[in-house]
Amino acid sequence: MSVQIWTYIMVGLTFALYIGIAIWSRAGSTKEFYVAGGGVSPLANGMATAADWMSAASFISMAGLISFMGYDGSVYLMGWTGGYVLLALLLAPYLRKFGKFTVPDFIGERYYSKSARLVAVFCALLVSFTYVAGQMRGVGVVFSRFLEVDITSGVIIGMIIVLFYAVLGGMKGITYTQVAQYCVLIFAFMVPAIFISFQVTGNPIPQIGFGSSGAEGTYLLEKLNGLSTELGFAEYTNGSKSRFDVFAITAALMVGTAGLPHVIVRFFTVKKVRDARKSAGLALLLIAILYTTAPAIAVFARLNLIQTVSGQPYAQMPQWFSNWEKTGLLGFEDKNADGLIQYVADPSINELRVDQDIMVLANPEIANLPAWVIALVAAGGLAAALSTAAGLLLVISSSVSHDLIKKVFKPNISEKHELIAARLSAVGAVVIAGYFGINPPGFVAAVVALAFGLAAASFFPAIILGIFYKKMNKQGAIAGMVIGILLMIFYMLKFKFGLFDGGKVAVAALQSKWWFGISPEGFGFIAMLVNFAVSLLVNRFAPDPPTEVQEMVETIRIPSGAGEATH
């Protein structure tokens, strides 16, 4: 059977599974819609959390980033996995003890202020919409290549599927759908990695294979370094970023992961504090399977691409090349009219344009793996994108229905009407996300990574101070969040998109103007430090929180009954 038929079968089966789970687990109350009734087991929550966090960026883009960046791409591995350790140790148990549905709910109650809640809602919506637009675009890319429909149609199909199980089941439906999606995406990621590792090195374990030698006896990384320098690229194992920038990016990704609202809300779905710790630990182990394999896939993909394409006649390229050309994500321009593909670092003579996002998806085709393996990767990419999109859409809908409508504008709204509002909010969020997936601003792909910086700059200090500093007051928290998020937005717009230079300066030329030599991806760390400083400074000149708030913080930090909170 052809790749397309296999893809229809695998995608059809997985979509039928997701829809079936949504019908089986439909939500009947706001508690089921927001936190799955608070009765999810640690294992199921760990799998759902792993799927929620491993988005299209992790499944599709990360290995592609490492493949092109080499050593510099290691910041994503360290930052995102380190962030999960931070989340498990510092946030998950305490937020579960607090027992609220959303991050804005925690901030609104802890800082006894509607203004704090509104600022938190704004930050949650900004982070979530930034993130979800990239997921929907990822759905469109997978559909356009493997099902041969245009990206617009692919995004619409993805919208309908997500809408069905997010609106019908809420967090309950999303949780059990994400358990299935984790199984699909991890199987889809590992199978081609094992195939290619055995094919290239004779070792079926990718983590060992990419550090081994190939058939000719040369270590793969040495071979890749040699090929890279021959073509004018930097050595794959050497980094070009400054040590401080590497530290800043890693730190921003770490605290950004720990401050992502769609990840934090997962720990409200378990029965007790101990379960929150267990599910965080399980999620880390499940995530590590993919994250320790990604560097191997990056090396295999880069080697395969260079060896298959560089210096080869364009007319003799395999079918996969023309398939990806149709998507616009791969292109060839014969600048010297010799019919050979010139793939070099010098942009003036380079003839090959490769979007880094295709590396994981195209890798099985480049390696000439069986059609069912190629189709499996497509199903895995869709599972990764849809699982995270669903979690983000729930954050958006709950922020609107629970934190805005119920807690600010209509406190007396009935549970039935709040559930209706939550579902309508999810519909609106899906439509907006779909629009940005179909008509992405030029910066969507870049901003997905920057969503972590936005989360670090806004939520992380407010949550940490709210848990560990009982005298932190609302004035300090609000000032810190506002200054932090505005500073991060300004830096992104100025140095990532050149917005304040009248469009006259190329984005690449802005690098020399970075503050302290820190890239926009790492500036979330600086914005976070500013947030902490402003929060603590303003806190000194404002009254202490009410006594009952301070007592509540003590209860969060030192739970009665050795952490066995059940409410």
Protein backbone atom coordinates (compact mmCIF):
# COMPACT_ATOMS: atom_id res chain seq x y z
CA MET A 1 0.00 0.00 0.00
CA SER A 2 1.07 3.58 -0.63
CA VAL A 3 2.06 6.05 2.09
CA GLN A 4 -1.16 8.00 1.54
CA ILE A 5 -3.42 4.95 2.03
CA TRP A 6 -1.48 3.92 5.16
CA THR A 7 -1.81 7.49 6.44
CA TYR A 8 -5.58 7.53 5.87
CA ILE A 9 -5.84 4.24 7.81
CA MET A 10 -3.67 5.30 10.76
CA VAL A 11 -5.00 8.84 11.07
CA GLY A 12 -8.57 7.57 10.66
CA LEU A 13 -8.13 4.94 13.39
CA THR A 14 -6.51 7.38 15.84
CA PHE A 15 -9.16 10.07 15.21
CA ALA A 16 -11.93 7.49 15.74
CA LEU A 17 -10.25 6.54 19.04
CA TYR A 18 -10.10 10.17 20.19
CA ILE A 19 -13.76 10.77 19.32
CA GLY A 20 -14.83 7.53 21.02
CA ILE A 21 -13.02 8.51 24.22
CA ALA A 22 -14.63 11.98 24.12
CA ILE A 23 -18.13 10.48 23.88
CA TRP A 24 -17.38 8.00 26.68
CA SER A 25 -15.94 10.67 29.02
CA ARG A 26 -18.18 13.67 28.34
CA ALA A 27 -18.30 16.18 31.19
CA GLY A 28 -21.52 16.65 33.15
CA SER A 29 -20.35 19.32 35.63
CA THR A 30 -17.97 22.28 35.77
CA LYS A 31 -15.60 20.28 38.00
CA GLU A 32 -15.42 17.53 35.37
CA PHE A 33 -15.01 20.14 32.61
CA TYR A 34 -12.22 22.08 34.40
CA VAL A 35 -10.30 19.38 36.33
CA ALA A 36 -11.77 16.02 35.21
CA GLY A 37 -13.62 15.69 38.52
CA GLY A 38 -10.33 15.66 40.46
CA GLY A 39 -10.15 11.86 40.35
CA VAL A 40 -7.51 11.05 37.71
CA SER A 41 -4.91 8.43 38.68
CA PRO A 42 -1.21 9.45 38.85
CA LEU A 43 -0.27 7.20 35.89
CA ALA A 44 -3.06 8.50 33.65
CA ASN A 45 -2.28 12.08 34.67
CA GLY A 46 1.45 11.53 34.06
CA MET A 47 0.75 10.24 30.53
CA ALA A 48 -1.72 13.05 29.85
CA THR A 49 0.73 15.65 31.17
CA ALA A 50 3.51 14.27 28.97
CA ALA A 51 1.24 14.45 25.90
CA ASP A 52 0.03 17.92 26.90
CA TRP A 53 3.58 19.21 27.17
CA MET A 54 5.12 17.40 24.17
CA SER A 55 3.54 19.55 21.51
CA ALA A 56 4.18 19.78 17.80
CA ALA A 57 7.23 21.83 18.82
CA SER A 58 8.68 18.82 20.69
CA PHE A 59 7.63 16.14 18.20
CA ILE A 60 8.13 17.95 14.89
CA SER A 61 10.36 20.96 15.51
CA MET A 62 12.84 20.19 18.29
CA ALA A 63 14.90 17.55 16.47
CA GLY A 64 14.82 19.84 13.43
CA LEU A 65 16.16 22.72 15.53
CA ILE A 66 18.95 20.53 16.92
CA SER A 67 19.64 19.17 13.43
CA PHE A 68 20.37 22.67 12.11
CA MET A 69 21.77 24.27 15.28
CA GLY A 70 23.89 21.34 16.48
CA TYR A 71 25.36 21.92 19.94
CA ASP A 72 23.43 25.18 20.36
CA GLY A 73 20.17 23.23 20.16
CA SER A 74 20.99 21.48 23.46
CA VAL A 75 19.48 24.44 25.32
CA TYR A 76 16.01 23.17 24.41
CA LEU A 77 16.73 19.74 25.85
CA MET A 78 18.15 21.13 29.09
CA GLY A 79 15.59 23.88 29.51
CA TRP A 80 12.42 21.95 28.85
CA THR A 81 13.36 18.82 30.83
CA GLY A 82 14.86 20.89 33.66
CA GLY A 83 11.64 22.86 33.79
CA TYR A 84 9.77 19.73 34.61
CA VAL A 85 12.00 19.01 37.60
CA LEU A 86 11.33 22.55 38.78
CA LEU A 87 7.61 22.08 38.31
CA ALA A 88 7.53 18.78 40.23
CA LEU A 89 9.57 20.12 43.18
CA LEU A 90 8.36 23.71 43.56
CA LEU A 91 4.85 24.05 42.19
CA ALA A 92 2.77 20.93 41.61
CA PRO A 93 2.15 19.79 45.22
CA TYR A 94 1.42 23.27 46.56
CA LEU A 95 -0.93 24.27 43.76
CA ARG A 96 -2.79 20.98 44.19
CA LYS A 97 -3.14 21.71 47.90
CA PHE A 98 -4.66 25.10 47.07
CA GLY A 99 -7.29 23.26 45.03
CA LYS A 100 -8.33 25.90 42.49
CA PHE A 101 -9.22 25.22 38.86
CA THR A 102 -6.85 27.60 37.05
CA VAL A 103 -3.67 29.63 37.46
CA PRO A 104 -5.58 32.96 37.30
CA ASP A 105 -7.86 31.53 40.02
CA PHE A 106 -4.84 30.86 42.25
CA ILE A 107 -3.43 34.34 41.63
CA GLY A 108 -6.83 36.04 42.11
CA GLU A 109 -7.47 34.26 45.44
CA ARG A 110 -3.89 34.38 46.76
CA TYR A 111 -3.56 38.09 46.02
CA TYR A 112 -7.16 38.87 47.09
CA SER A 113 -7.70 41.07 44.04
CA LYS A 114 -9.84 41.16 40.89
CA SER A 115 -7.12 43.25 39.26
CA ALA A 116 -4.53 40.51 39.87
CA ARG A 117 -6.97 37.97 38.41
CA LEU A 118 -7.52 40.12 35.29
CA VAL A 119 -3.77 40.55 34.73
CA ALA A 120 -3.30 36.78 35.13
CA VAL A 121 -6.14 36.10 32.65
CA PHE A 122 -4.50 38.43 30.11
CA CYS A 123 -1.15 36.65 30.54
CA ALA A 124 -2.77 33.20 30.30
CA LEU A 125 -4.60 34.13 27.10
CA LEU A 126 -1.47 35.68 25.55
CA VAL A 127 0.70 32.63 26.31
CA SER A 128 -1.99 30.15 25.26
CA PHE A 129 -2.96 31.80 21.96
CA THR A 130 0.72 32.26 21.10
CA TYR A 131 1.29 28.57 21.66
CA VAL A 132 -1.89 27.15 20.13
CA ALA A 133 -1.57 28.95 16.80
CA GLY A 134 1.64 27.05 16.11
CA GLN A 135 -0.04 23.75 16.99
CA MET A 136 -2.83 24.31 14.48
CA ARG A 137 -0.30 25.26 11.82
CA GLY A 138 1.57 22.02 12.57
CA VAL A 139 -1.67 20.09 11.99
CA GLY A 140 -2.06 21.82 8.63
CA VAL A 141 1.52 20.97 7.57
CA VAL A 142 1.09 17.27 8.36
CA PHE A 143 -2.23 17.11 6.51
CA SER A 144 -0.88 18.99 3.48
CA ARG A 145 2.01 16.55 3.01
CA PHE A 146 0.63 13.17 3.96
CA LEU A 147 -3.06 13.47 3.08
CA GLU A 148 -2.43 15.79 0.13
CA VAL A 149 -5.01 18.37 1.14
CA ASP A 150 -4.22 22.08 1.34
CA ILE A 151 -3.08 23.52 4.67
CA THR A 152 -6.37 25.40 5.14
CA SER A 153 -8.42 22.21 4.85
CA GLY A 154 -5.99 20.41 7.17
CA VAL A 155 -6.35 23.08 9.85
CA ILE A 156 -10.16 22.97 9.57
CA ILE A 157 -10.19 19.17 10.00
CA GLY A 158 -7.94 19.51 13.05
CA MET A 159 -10.22 22.24 14.46
CA ILE A 160 -13.27 19.99 14.15
CA ILE A 161 -11.58 17.05 15.92
CA VAL A 162 -10.22 19.20 18.78
CA LEU A 163 -13.52 21.05 19.08
CA PHE A 164 -15.40 17.79 19.43
CA TYR A 165 -13.51 16.30 22.35
CA ALA A 166 -12.51 19.59 24.05
CA VAL A 167 -16.03 21.03 24.05
CA LEU A 168 -17.86 17.76 24.80
CA GLY A 169 -15.51 16.29 27.38
CA GLY A 170 -13.64 19.29 28.80
CA MET A 171 -10.67 18.27 30.95
CA LYS A 172 -12.19 14.83 31.51
CA GLY A 173 -12.35 14.08 27.78
CA ILE A 174 -9.00 15.77 27.11
CA THR A 175 -7.24 13.78 29.86
CA TYR A 176 -8.15 10.34 28.58
CA THR A 177 -7.70 11.39 24.96
CA GLN A 178 -4.19 12.59 25.85
CA VAL A 179 -3.38 9.21 27.40
CA ALA A 180 -4.13 7.64 24.00
CA GLN A 181 -2.26 10.43 22.20
CA TYR A 182 0.85 9.86 24.32
CA CYS A 183 0.89 6.19 23.30
CA VAL A 184 0.50 7.15 19.63
CA LEU A 185 3.12 9.91 19.58
CA ILE A 186 5.82 8.05 21.54
CA PHE A 187 5.40 4.92 19.40
CA ALA A 188 5.50 7.06 16.25
CA PHE A 189 8.66 8.85 17.42
CA MET A 190 10.58 5.75 18.54
CA VAL A 191 9.85 3.26 15.73
CA PRO A 192 11.61 5.21 12.92
CA ALA A 193 14.43 6.16 15.31
CA ILE A 194 15.07 2.48 16.06
CA PHE A 195 14.85 1.57 12.35
CA ILE A 196 17.31 4.29 11.27
CA SER A 197 19.73 3.68 14.16
CA PHE A 198 19.96 0.00 13.21
CA GLN A 199 20.22 0.90 9.51
CA VAL A 200 23.10 3.36 10.03
CA THR A 201 25.05 1.86 12.95
CA GLY A 202 23.73 -1.68 13.48
CA ASN A 203 22.62 -0.67 17.00
CA PRO A 204 18.83 -0.51 17.54
CA ILE A 205 19.08 1.84 20.54
CA PRO A 206 19.10 5.42 19.10
CA GLN A 207 20.65 6.98 22.21
CA ILE A 208 23.69 4.70 21.81
CA GLY A 209 23.60 4.56 18.02
CA PHE A 210 24.23 8.26 17.38
CA GLY A 211 27.40 8.06 19.48
CA SER A 212 28.59 4.98 17.59
CA SER A 213 30.47 4.52 14.33
CA GLY A 214 28.94 3.76 10.95
CA ALA A 215 29.79 1.02 8.45
CA GLU A 216 33.07 2.69 7.44
CA GLY A 217 34.28 2.83 11.08
CA THR A 218 34.02 6.61 11.55
CA TYR A 219 32.02 7.97 14.47
CA LEU A 220 28.79 9.55 13.20
CA LEU A 221 29.42 12.87 14.95
CA GLU A 222 32.96 13.06 13.51
CA LYS A 223 31.57 12.30 10.07
CA LEU A 224 28.88 14.96 10.45
CA ASN A 225 31.46 17.52 11.62
CA GLY A 226 33.56 16.80 8.52
CA LEU A 227 30.62 17.04 6.12
CA SER A 228 29.43 20.26 7.77
CA THR A 229 32.80 22.01 7.52
CA GLU A 230 33.23 20.87 3.89
CA LEU A 231 29.99 22.67 3.05
CA GLY A 232 30.97 25.79 4.99
CA PHE A 233 28.76 25.16 8.04
CA ALA A 234 30.07 25.28 11.60
CA GLU A 235 31.10 22.02 13.23
CA TYR A 236 28.00 20.26 14.49
CA THR A 237 29.44 19.65 17.97
CA ASN A 238 30.67 23.23 18.47
CA GLY A 239 28.41 26.00 19.76
CA SER A 240 28.31 29.59 18.56
CA LYS A 241 26.26 31.13 21.38
CA SER A 242 27.88 32.83 24.35
CA ARG A 243 27.86 30.95 27.63
CA PHE A 244 25.65 33.59 29.24
CA ASP A 245 23.09 33.40 26.44
CA VAL A 246 23.01 29.60 26.70
CA PHE A 247 22.41 29.95 30.45
CA ALA A 248 19.70 32.59 29.91
CA ILE A 249 17.83 30.55 27.29
CA THR A 250 18.01 27.39 29.40
CA ALA A 251 16.79 29.26 32.49
CA ALA A 252 13.98 30.98 30.54
CA LEU A 253 12.77 27.66 29.16
CA MET A 254 12.97 26.07 32.61
CA VAL A 255 10.96 28.67 34.49
CA GLY A 256 8.70 29.12 31.47
CA THR A 257 7.85 25.41 31.53
CA ALA A 258 7.11 25.67 35.25
CA GLY A 259 4.83 28.65 34.57
CA LEU A 260 2.83 27.32 31.60
CA PRO A 261 -0.86 27.43 32.61
CA HIS A 262 -1.96 24.43 30.52
CA VAL A 263 0.68 22.25 32.22
CA ILE A 264 0.02 23.51 35.75
CA VAL A 265 -3.73 22.88 35.52
CA ARG A 266 -3.04 19.17 35.01
CA PHE A 267 -2.04 18.85 38.68
CA PHE A 268 -5.51 19.96 39.80
CA THR A 269 -6.99 16.79 38.26
CA VAL A 270 -5.59 14.27 40.79
CA LYS A 271 -7.11 13.28 44.14
CA LYS A 272 -4.38 14.42 46.52
CA VAL A 273 -1.03 16.16 46.88
CA ARG A 274 0.96 12.92 46.86
CA ASP A 275 -0.62 12.05 43.51
CA ALA A 276 0.47 15.41 42.09
CA ARG A 277 4.09 14.59 42.98
CA LYS A 278 3.79 11.08 41.54
CA SER A 279 2.26 12.24 38.26
CA ALA A 280 4.93 14.94 37.85
CA GLY A 281 7.65 12.32 38.30
CA LEU A 282 5.98 9.86 35.93
CA ALA A 283 5.55 12.59 33.32
CA LEU A 284 9.26 13.39 33.52
CA LEU A 285 10.18 9.75 32.87
CA LEU A 286 7.73 9.50 29.97
CA ILE A 287 8.97 12.76 28.46
CA ALA A 288 12.61 11.63 28.80
CA ILE A 289 11.96 8.80 26.33
CA LEU A 290 11.37 11.32 23.55
CA TYR A 291 13.87 13.91 24.73
CA THR A 292 16.81 11.52 24.95
CA THR A 293 15.98 10.24 21.46
CA ALA A 294 15.66 13.66 19.77
CA PRO A 295 19.45 14.33 19.51
CA ALA A 296 19.90 10.96 17.78
CA ILE A 297 17.13 11.70 15.27
CA ALA A 298 18.69 15.13 14.65
CA VAL A 299 22.07 13.55 13.77
CA PHE A 300 20.53 10.82 11.58
CA ALA A 301 18.35 13.34 9.74
CA ARG A 302 21.18 15.79 9.12
CA LEU A 303 23.51 13.06 7.83
CA ASN A 304 20.85 11.55 5.60
CA LEU A 305 19.89 14.94 4.15
CA ILE A 306 23.47 15.96 3.30
CA GLN A 307 24.42 12.58 1.85
CA THR A 308 21.22 12.22 -0.17
CA VAL A 309 20.98 15.75 -1.55
CA SER A 310 24.29 17.64 -1.60
CA GLY A 311 25.93 17.60 -5.04
CA GLN A 312 23.32 15.26 -6.51
CA PRO A 313 21.48 15.80 -9.83
CA TYR A 314 18.10 17.43 -9.22
CA ALA A 315 16.51 15.35 -11.99
CA GLN A 316 17.39 12.14 -10.13
CA MET A 317 16.02 13.12 -6.73
CA PRO A 318 13.76 10.47 -5.11
CA GLN A 319 9.99 10.89 -4.86
CA TRP A 320 10.13 12.27 -1.31
CA PHE A 321 11.90 15.40 -2.60
CA SER A 322 9.12 16.37 -5.01
CA ASN A 323 6.48 15.47 -2.39
CA TRP A 324 7.93 18.00 0.04
CA GLU A 325 8.49 20.58 -2.71
CA LYS A 326 4.71 20.63 -3.21
CA THR A 327 4.24 21.80 0.39
CA GLY A 328 6.58 24.77 -0.10
CA LEU A 329 8.74 23.65 2.84
CA LEU A 330 11.54 22.39 0.57
CA GLY A 331 12.81 24.21 -2.49
CA PHE A 332 15.58 24.12 -5.12
CA GLU A 333 16.82 27.05 -7.21
CA ASP A 334 19.46 26.17 -9.82
CA LYS A 335 21.57 29.34 -9.56
CA ASN A 336 24.48 28.09 -11.71
CA ALA A 337 22.30 26.08 -14.15
CA ASP A 338 24.35 22.88 -13.79
CA GLY A 339 21.43 20.71 -12.66
CA LEU A 340 23.21 19.74 -9.44
CA ILE A 341 21.94 20.63 -5.97
CA GLN A 342 24.44 22.95 -4.30
CA TYR A 343 23.82 22.80 -0.54
CA VAL A 344 26.31 25.09 1.21
CA ALA A 345 26.39 27.64 4.03
CA ASP A 346 27.00 30.66 1.74
CA PRO A 347 23.49 32.01 1.00
CA SER A 348 24.65 33.64 -2.24
CA ILE A 349 25.42 30.27 -3.86
CA ASN A 350 23.27 27.90 -1.79
CA GLU A 351 20.53 26.36 -3.95
CA LEU A 352 18.58 24.32 -1.40
CA ARG A 353 15.97 25.76 0.98
CA VAL A 354 14.95 23.41 3.82
CA ASP A 355 12.41 24.23 6.50
CA GLN A 356 13.76 22.71 9.72
CA ASP A 357 10.25 21.57 10.68
CA ILE A 358 10.28 18.86 8.00
CA MET A 359 13.30 17.00 9.35
CA VAL A 360 11.42 14.60 11.66
CA LEU A 361 8.52 14.11 9.23
CA ALA A 362 10.73 13.62 6.16
CA ASN A 363 13.44 11.56 7.88
CA PRO A 364 11.71 8.15 7.40
CA GLU A 365 11.17 8.95 3.71
CA ILE A 366 14.78 10.04 3.23
CA ALA A 367 15.92 6.80 4.90
CA ASN A 368 13.57 4.82 2.63
CA LEU A 369 11.67 3.19 5.50
CA PRO A 370 8.44 1.21 4.93
CA ALA A 371 5.28 3.14 4.05
CA TRP A 372 3.53 2.22 7.32
CA VAL A 373 6.39 3.78 9.34
CA ILE A 374 6.10 7.04 7.37
CA ALA A 375 2.32 7.06 7.97
CA LEU A 376 2.87 6.34 11.67
CA VAL A 377 5.04 9.46 11.99
CA ALA A 378 2.24 11.53 10.44
CA ALA A 379 -0.25 10.15 12.99
CA GLY A 380 2.24 10.89 15.78
CA GLY A 381 2.75 14.48 14.66
CA LEU A 382 -1.02 15.03 14.64
CA ALA A 383 -1.35 13.44 18.11
CA ALA A 384 1.35 15.75 19.51
CA ALA A 385 -0.20 18.89 18.00
CA LEU A 386 -3.80 18.03 18.92
CA SER A 387 -3.01 16.99 22.51
CA THR A 388 -1.34 20.30 23.33
CA ALA A 389 -3.91 22.31 21.37
CA ALA A 390 -6.70 20.75 23.44
CA GLY A 391 -4.96 21.56 26.73
CA LEU A 392 -4.35 25.15 25.67
CA LEU A 393 -7.92 25.61 24.47
CA LEU A 394 -9.20 24.43 27.85
CA VAL A 395 -7.01 27.05 29.58
CA ILE A 396 -8.46 29.71 27.29
CA SER A 397 -12.08 28.63 27.83
CA SER A 398 -11.72 28.27 31.61
CA SER A 399 -9.97 31.66 31.86
CA VAL A 400 -12.96 33.26 30.13
CA SER A 401 -15.84 31.30 31.74
CA HIS A 402 -14.48 30.76 35.26
CA ASP A 403 -12.03 33.61 35.88
CA LEU A 404 -13.76 36.39 33.95
CA ILE A 405 -17.48 35.56 33.85
CA LYS A 406 -17.97 33.78 37.20
CA LYS A 407 -15.31 35.46 39.33
CA VAL A 408 -15.54 39.03 37.95
CA PHE A 409 -18.67 39.84 35.93
CA LYS A 410 -21.40 37.37 37.05
CA PRO A 411 -20.57 35.85 40.46
CA ASN A 412 -24.06 34.36 40.83
CA ILE A 413 -24.06 32.44 37.54
CA SER A 414 -25.40 28.89 37.87
CA GLU A 415 -23.18 25.87 37.28
CA LYS A 416 -25.25 24.94 34.22
CA HIS A 417 -24.77 28.36 32.62
CA GLU A 418 -21.08 28.43 33.55
CA LEU A 419 -20.63 25.07 31.77
CA ILE A 420 -22.40 26.48 28.70
CA ALA A 421 -20.13 29.56 28.84
CA ALA A 422 -17.06 27.31 29.10
CA ARG A 423 -18.11 25.34 26.01
CA LEU A 424 -18.92 28.48 24.02
CA SER A 425 -15.55 29.93 25.04
CA ALA A 426 -13.84 26.76 23.78
CA VAL A 427 -15.67 27.11 20.45
CA GLY A 428 -14.52 30.72 20.14
CA ALA A 429 -10.95 29.79 21.07
CA VAL A 430 -10.85 27.00 18.46
CA VAL A 431 -12.09 29.36 15.75
CA ILE A 432 -9.48 32.02 16.61
CA ALA A 433 -6.71 29.42 16.83
CA GLY A 434 -7.80 27.98 13.49
CA TYR A 435 -7.70 31.43 11.90
CA PHE A 436 -4.09 31.95 13.00
CA GLY A 437 -3.26 28.44 11.81
CA ILE A 438 -4.64 29.23 8.35
CA ASN A 439 -3.36 32.83 8.21
CA PRO A 440 -0.33 32.82 10.49
CA PRO A 441 1.46 36.10 11.10
CA GLY A 442 5.02 35.73 9.85
CA PHE A 443 6.28 35.24 13.38
CA VAL A 444 4.09 32.34 14.59
CA ALA A 445 6.79 29.66 14.32
CA ALA A 446 9.27 31.85 16.22
CA VAL A 447 6.80 32.97 18.85
CA VAL A 448 5.90 29.40 19.88
CA ALA A 449 9.33 29.10 21.51
CA LEU A 450 8.94 32.59 22.97
CA ALA A 451 5.70 31.55 24.73
CA PHE A 452 7.97 30.06 27.40
CA GLY A 453 9.63 33.45 27.88
CA LEU A 454 6.21 35.08 28.27
CA ALA A 455 5.23 32.52 30.91
CA ALA A 456 8.54 33.01 32.74
CA ALA A 457 8.21 36.80 32.68
CA SER A 458 4.65 36.83 34.01
CA PHE A 459 3.50 33.81 36.04
CA PHE A 460 6.56 32.22 37.61
CA PRO A 461 7.49 34.97 40.13
CA ALA A 462 3.85 35.52 41.16
CA ILE A 463 3.34 31.80 41.79
CA ILE A 464 6.64 31.25 43.62
CA LEU A 465 6.22 34.33 45.85
CA GLY A 466 2.58 33.44 46.39
CA ILE A 467 3.55 30.03 47.75
CA PHE A 468 6.76 30.72 49.66
CA TYR A 469 6.41 34.34 50.88
CA LYS A 470 3.28 34.81 52.95
CA LYS A 471 3.75 38.60 53.24
CA MET A 472 3.75 39.11 49.48
CA ASN A 473 0.93 41.57 48.78
CA LYS A 474 -1.30 42.21 45.78
CA GLN A 475 0.35 45.52 44.82
CA GLY A 476 3.76 43.92 44.42
CA ALA A 477 2.45 40.90 42.50
CA ILE A 478 0.41 42.99 40.06
CA ALA A 479 3.26 45.45 39.44
CA GLY A 480 5.73 42.61 38.86
CA MET A 481 3.48 40.73 36.40
CA VAL A 482 2.63 43.87 34.41
CA ILE A 483 6.24 45.09 34.16
CA GLY A 484 7.57 41.59 33.40
CA ILE A 485 5.13 40.76 30.60
CA LEU A 486 5.39 44.23 29.00
CA LEU A 487 9.21 44.11 29.06
CA MET A 488 9.19 40.66 27.41
CA ILE A 489 6.70 41.77 24.74
CA PHE A 490 8.79 44.87 23.99
CA TYR A 491 12.03 42.88 23.67
CA MET A 492 10.38 40.30 21.41
CA LEU A 493 8.90 42.91 19.11
CA LYS A 494 12.11 44.93 18.95
CA PHE A 495 14.75 42.21 18.57
CA LYS A 496 12.83 39.33 17.03
CA PHE A 497 10.72 41.23 14.53
CA GLY A 498 12.44 44.63 14.23
CA LEU A 499 9.14 46.40 14.91
CA PHE A 500 10.59 49.60 16.35
CA ASP A 501 13.15 50.09 13.57
CA GLY A 502 10.64 51.00 10.92
CA GLY A 503 11.25 47.75 9.06
CA LYS A 504 14.56 49.13 7.80
CA VAL A 505 16.83 46.80 9.75
CA ALA A 506 17.02 43.11 8.92
CA VAL A 507 16.18 40.89 11.88
CA ALA A 508 19.60 39.19 11.61
CA ALA A 509 21.28 42.58 11.98
CA LEU A 510 19.53 43.17 15.32
CA GLN A 511 21.72 40.56 17.03
CA SER A 512 24.51 43.07 17.60
CA LYS A 513 22.05 45.27 19.53
CA TRP A 514 20.83 42.61 21.99
CA TRP A 515 20.89 43.78 25.62
CA PHE A 516 23.70 42.02 27.52
CA GLY A 517 24.14 39.79 24.44
CA ILE A 518 20.95 37.88 25.29
CA SER A 519 18.75 36.54 22.50
CA PRO A 520 14.95 37.07 22.58
CA GLU A 521 14.55 33.36 23.43
CA GLY A 522 16.60 33.90 26.60
CA PHE A 523 15.28 37.31 27.62
CA GLY A 524 12.39 35.75 29.55
CA PHE A 525 14.99 35.02 32.25
CA ILE A 526 15.89 38.72 32.55
CA ALA A 527 12.22 39.75 32.47
CA MET A 528 11.57 37.23 35.25
CA LEU A 529 14.35 38.75 37.41
CA VAL A 530 12.88 42.21 36.80
CA ASN A 531 9.45 40.85 37.80
CA PHE A 532 10.90 39.51 41.07
CA ALA A 533 12.72 42.80 41.78
CA VAL A 534 9.68 45.01 41.07
CA SER A 535 7.39 42.72 43.07
CA LEU A 536 9.62 42.76 46.16
CA LEU A 537 10.32 46.50 45.89
CA VAL A 538 6.66 47.51 45.63
CA ASN A 539 5.82 44.98 48.35
CA ARG A 540 7.97 46.94 50.82
CA PHE A 541 5.92 50.10 50.39
CA ALA A 542 2.45 48.54 50.56
CA PRO A 543 0.50 47.00 53.45
CA ASP A 544 0.92 43.33 54.34
CA PRO A 545 -1.75 40.92 53.12
CA PRO A 546 -4.74 40.25 55.42
CA THR A 547 -4.14 37.77 58.22
CA GLU A 548 -6.44 35.16 56.67
CA VAL A 549 -4.42 35.24 53.43
CA GLN A 550 -1.17 34.70 55.32
CA GLU A 551 -2.74 31.79 57.19
CA MET A 552 -3.93 30.34 53.88
CA VAL A 553 -0.35 30.48 52.53
CA GLU A 554 0.90 28.65 55.63
CA THR A 555 -1.71 25.96 54.96
CA ILE A 556 -0.56 25.62 51.34
CA ARG A 557 3.09 25.26 52.31
CA ILE A 558 2.65 22.98 55.30
CA PRO A 559 -0.38 20.81 54.57
CA SER A 560 -2.02 19.15 57.54
CA GLY A 561 -1.98 15.35 57.55
CA ALA A 562 1.46 15.08 55.89
CA GLY A 563 0.22 16.27 52.53
CA GLU A 564 -2.86 14.09 52.20
CA ALA A 565 -5.16 16.90 51.07
CA THR A 566 -8.30 15.51 49.50
CA HIS A 567 -10.38 18.58 48.80
